Amino acid sequence: MPASYDQDKEKALKSIVFWKGAMIKAFFETDIHDPRKIQENGQVVGNDTMEQMAFVISNAEEGIEKIKKYTDLGIH
């Protein structure tokens, strides 16, 4: 899971922008190996999706809240 922390949420998101291509389900169902194509396909992924699918936080409380979702599911 991509993760990023910065007090500025936009900076945190920018630091993991290269993972956008891996946020597309089709990426895992097709035979694409060219990183330029993966990056191109990732342009359709918005920051809201990145925030949901990655561990992007701007403070400790936010991190605790996100981790709690997993521990509540029994993941330790």
N, C-alpha and C. Protein backbone atom coordinates (compact mmCIF):
# COMPACT_ATOMS: atom_id res chain seq x y z
N MET A 1 0.85 -1.16 0.00
CA MET A 1 0.00 0.00 0.00
C MET A 1 0.91 1.23 0.00
N PRO A 2 0.76 2.09 -0.99
CA PRO A 2 1.54 3.33 -0.99
C PRO A 2 1.19 4.17 0.23
N ALA A 3 2.19 4.80 0.81
CA ALA A 3 1.97 5.62 2.00
C ALA A 3 2.76 6.91 1.87
N SER A 4 2.18 7.98 2.44
CA SER A 4 2.86 9.26 2.41
C SER A 4 2.35 10.14 3.54
N TYR A 5 3.28 10.87 4.15
CA TYR A 5 2.93 11.82 5.19
C TYR A 5 3.55 13.17 4.88
N ASP A 6 2.77 14.20 5.04
CA ASP A 6 3.25 15.57 5.02
C ASP A 6 2.17 16.41 5.69
N GLN A 7 2.57 17.44 6.40
CA GLN A 7 1.58 18.30 7.03
C GLN A 7 0.69 18.95 5.97
N ASP A 8 1.21 19.10 4.77
CA ASP A 8 0.45 19.62 3.63
C ASP A 8 -0.06 18.43 2.83
N LYS A 9 -1.36 18.19 2.86
CA LYS A 9 -1.96 17.01 2.19
C LYS A 9 -1.60 16.96 0.71
N GLU A 10 -1.59 18.09 0.03
CA GLU A 10 -1.25 18.11 -1.40
C GLU A 10 0.18 17.62 -1.64
N LYS A 11 1.10 18.00 -0.79
CA LYS A 11 2.48 17.54 -0.91
C LYS A 11 2.56 16.03 -0.68
N ALA A 12 1.78 15.55 0.29
CA ALA A 12 1.76 14.11 0.57
C ALA A 12 1.26 13.35 -0.65
N LEU A 13 0.22 13.86 -1.29
CA LEU A 13 -0.32 13.21 -2.49
C LEU A 13 0.66 13.27 -3.65
N LYS A 14 1.31 14.41 -3.84
CA LYS A 14 2.27 14.55 -4.95
C LYS A 14 3.44 13.59 -4.81
N SER A 15 3.82 13.27 -3.56
CA SER A 15 4.99 12.41 -3.38
C SER A 15 4.74 10.96 -3.80
N ILE A 16 3.47 10.57 -3.96
CA ILE A 16 3.19 9.20 -4.38
C ILE A 16 2.42 9.15 -5.70
N VAL A 17 2.48 10.23 -6.45
CA VAL A 17 1.73 10.31 -7.71
C VAL A 17 2.13 9.20 -8.69
N PHE A 18 3.36 8.72 -8.61
CA PHE A 18 3.80 7.66 -9.52
C PHE A 18 3.07 6.35 -9.29
N TRP A 19 2.34 6.19 -8.20
CA TRP A 19 1.57 4.98 -7.93
C TRP A 19 0.19 4.99 -8.56
N LYS A 20 -0.21 6.10 -9.18
CA LYS A 20 -1.56 6.19 -9.74
C LYS A 20 -1.87 5.07 -10.73
N GLY A 21 -0.92 4.69 -11.54
CA GLY A 21 -1.14 3.64 -12.53
C GLY A 21 -1.49 2.30 -11.88
N ALA A 22 -0.98 2.08 -10.66
CA ALA A 22 -1.26 0.84 -9.95
C ALA A 22 -2.62 0.85 -9.26
N MET A 23 -3.33 1.97 -9.35
CA MET A 23 -4.64 2.09 -8.72
C MET A 23 -5.77 1.67 -9.67
N ILE A 24 -5.40 1.27 -10.86
CA ILE A 24 -6.39 0.88 -11.87
C ILE A 24 -6.46 -0.64 -11.93
N LYS A 25 -7.64 -1.19 -11.68
CA LYS A 25 -7.82 -2.65 -11.66
C LYS A 25 -7.35 -3.29 -12.96
N ALA A 26 -7.64 -2.67 -14.09
CA ALA A 26 -7.26 -3.22 -15.39
C ALA A 26 -5.75 -3.39 -15.53
N PHE A 27 -4.99 -2.62 -14.80
CA PHE A 27 -3.53 -2.73 -14.82
C PHE A 27 -3.09 -4.15 -14.47
N PHE A 28 -3.83 -4.80 -13.59
CA PHE A 28 -3.48 -6.15 -13.15
C PHE A 28 -4.10 -7.23 -14.02
N GLU A 29 -5.01 -6.85 -14.89
CA GLU A 29 -5.71 -7.82 -15.74
C GLU A 29 -5.19 -7.82 -17.18
N THR A 30 -4.28 -6.93 -17.48
CA THR A 30 -3.74 -6.84 -18.84
C THR A 30 -2.25 -7.09 -18.83
N ASP A 31 -1.70 -7.24 -19.99
CA ASP A 31 -0.28 -7.53 -20.13
C ASP A 31 0.47 -6.25 -20.53
N ILE A 32 0.40 -5.26 -19.66
CA ILE A 32 1.08 -3.98 -19.92
C ILE A 32 2.34 -3.94 -19.05
N HIS A 33 3.48 -3.75 -19.70
CA HIS A 33 4.75 -3.70 -18.97
C HIS A 33 5.49 -2.39 -19.18
N ASP A 34 5.01 -1.58 -20.09
CA ASP A 34 5.67 -0.32 -20.40
C ASP A 34 5.29 0.72 -19.34
N PRO A 35 6.26 1.18 -18.54
CA PRO A 35 5.95 2.13 -17.48
C PRO A 35 5.33 3.42 -18.00
N ARG A 36 5.64 3.78 -19.23
CA ARG A 36 5.03 5.00 -19.81
C ARG A 36 3.54 4.81 -20.01
N LYS A 37 3.12 3.62 -20.42
CA LYS A 37 1.69 3.32 -20.59
C LYS A 37 0.99 3.27 -19.23
N ILE A 38 1.65 2.68 -18.25
CA ILE A 38 1.08 2.60 -16.91
C ILE A 38 0.88 4.01 -16.36
N GLN A 39 1.89 4.86 -16.51
CA GLN A 39 1.79 6.24 -16.05
C GLN A 39 0.68 6.98 -16.80
N GLU A 40 0.61 6.78 -18.09
CA GLU A 40 -0.43 7.42 -18.91
C GLU A 40 -1.82 7.00 -18.43
N ASN A 41 -2.01 5.71 -18.19
CA ASN A 41 -3.31 5.22 -17.71
C ASN A 41 -3.64 5.76 -16.32
N GLY A 42 -2.63 5.99 -15.52
CA GLY A 42 -2.84 6.49 -14.17
C GLY A 42 -3.33 7.91 -14.09
N GLN A 43 -3.26 8.64 -15.20
CA GLN A 43 -3.69 10.04 -15.19
C GLN A 43 -5.18 10.20 -14.90
N VAL A 44 -5.96 9.13 -15.08
CA VAL A 44 -7.40 9.20 -14.82
C VAL A 44 -7.73 9.08 -13.33
N VAL A 45 -6.74 8.71 -12.52
CA VAL A 45 -6.96 8.54 -11.09
C VAL A 45 -6.85 9.90 -10.40
N GLY A 46 -7.89 10.27 -9.70
CA GLY A 46 -7.90 11.56 -9.00
C GLY A 46 -7.32 11.46 -7.60
N ASN A 47 -7.06 12.62 -7.02
CA ASN A 47 -6.50 12.66 -5.67
C ASN A 47 -7.44 12.05 -4.64
N ASP A 48 -8.74 12.17 -4.86
CA ASP A 48 -9.68 11.58 -3.91
C ASP A 48 -9.54 10.06 -3.88
N THR A 49 -9.33 9.46 -5.04
CA THR A 49 -9.11 8.01 -5.11
C THR A 49 -7.79 7.64 -4.46
N MET A 50 -6.76 8.44 -4.72
CA MET A 50 -5.46 8.18 -4.10
C MET A 50 -5.56 8.21 -2.58
N GLU A 51 -6.31 9.18 -2.06
CA GLU A 51 -6.47 9.29 -0.62
C GLU A 51 -7.19 8.08 -0.03
N GLN A 52 -8.14 7.53 -0.77
CA GLN A 52 -8.90 6.37 -0.31
C GLN A 52 -8.08 5.09 -0.39
N MET A 53 -7.29 4.93 -1.45
CA MET A 53 -6.61 3.67 -1.69
C MET A 53 -5.19 3.61 -1.11
N ALA A 54 -4.63 4.76 -0.80
CA ALA A 54 -3.28 4.80 -0.24
C ALA A 54 -3.35 5.29 1.20
N PHE A 55 -2.26 5.21 1.89
CA PHE A 55 -2.19 5.68 3.27
C PHE A 55 -1.58 7.07 3.23
N VAL A 56 -2.43 8.07 2.99
CA VAL A 56 -1.99 9.46 2.87
C VAL A 56 -2.53 10.22 4.08
N ILE A 57 -1.61 10.75 4.89
CA ILE A 57 -2.05 11.46 6.08
C ILE A 57 -1.29 12.78 6.23
N SER A 58 -1.92 13.71 6.97
CA SER A 58 -1.27 14.99 7.22
C SER A 58 -1.12 15.27 8.72
N ASN A 59 -1.58 14.32 9.56
CA ASN A 59 -1.37 14.47 11.00
C ASN A 59 -1.54 13.09 11.67
N ALA A 60 -1.11 13.02 12.91
CA ALA A 60 -1.14 11.74 13.64
C ALA A 60 -2.55 11.21 13.83
N GLU A 61 -3.49 12.10 14.15
CA GLU A 61 -4.86 11.67 14.38
C GLU A 61 -5.45 11.00 13.14
N GLU A 62 -5.17 11.56 12.01
CA GLU A 62 -5.65 10.98 10.75
C GLU A 62 -5.05 9.59 10.53
N GLY A 63 -3.77 9.45 10.87
CA GLY A 63 -3.11 8.15 10.74
C GLY A 63 -3.72 7.12 11.66
N ILE A 64 -3.99 7.52 12.89
CA ILE A 64 -4.60 6.60 13.86
C ILE A 64 -5.98 6.17 13.37
N GLU A 65 -6.75 7.11 12.85
CA GLU A 65 -8.09 6.80 12.34
C GLU A 65 -8.04 5.79 11.18
N LYS A 66 -7.09 5.98 10.27
CA LYS A 66 -6.97 5.06 9.13
C LYS A 66 -6.51 3.69 9.58
N ILE A 67 -5.56 3.63 10.51
CA ILE A 67 -5.08 2.35 11.01
C ILE A 67 -6.19 1.61 11.77
N LYS A 68 -7.00 2.36 12.50
CA LYS A 68 -8.09 1.76 13.28
C LYS A 68 -9.06 0.99 12.38
N LYS A 69 -9.28 1.46 11.18
CA LYS A 69 -10.17 0.75 10.25
C LYS A 69 -9.67 -0.67 10.01
N TYR A 70 -8.35 -0.82 9.91
CA TYR A 70 -7.78 -2.14 9.66
C TYR A 70 -7.77 -2.99 10.93
N THR A 71 -7.44 -2.40 12.06
CA THR A 71 -7.42 -3.18 13.30
C THR A 71 -8.83 -3.62 13.69
N ASP A 72 -9.82 -2.78 13.38
CA ASP A 72 -11.22 -3.18 13.64
C ASP A 72 -11.63 -4.39 12.82
N LEU A 73 -10.97 -4.58 11.68
CA LEU A 73 -11.25 -5.74 10.83
C LEU A 73 -10.47 -6.97 11.29
N GLY A 74 -9.61 -6.80 12.28
CA GLY A 74 -8.84 -7.91 12.80
C GLY A 74 -7.43 -8.03 12.23
N ILE A 75 -7.02 -7.04 11.45
CA ILE A 75 -5.68 -7.05 10.88
C ILE A 75 -4.72 -6.44 11.91
N HIS A 76 -3.68 -7.20 12.24
CA HIS A 76 -2.70 -6.72 13.24
C HIS A 76 -1.32 -6.76 12.68
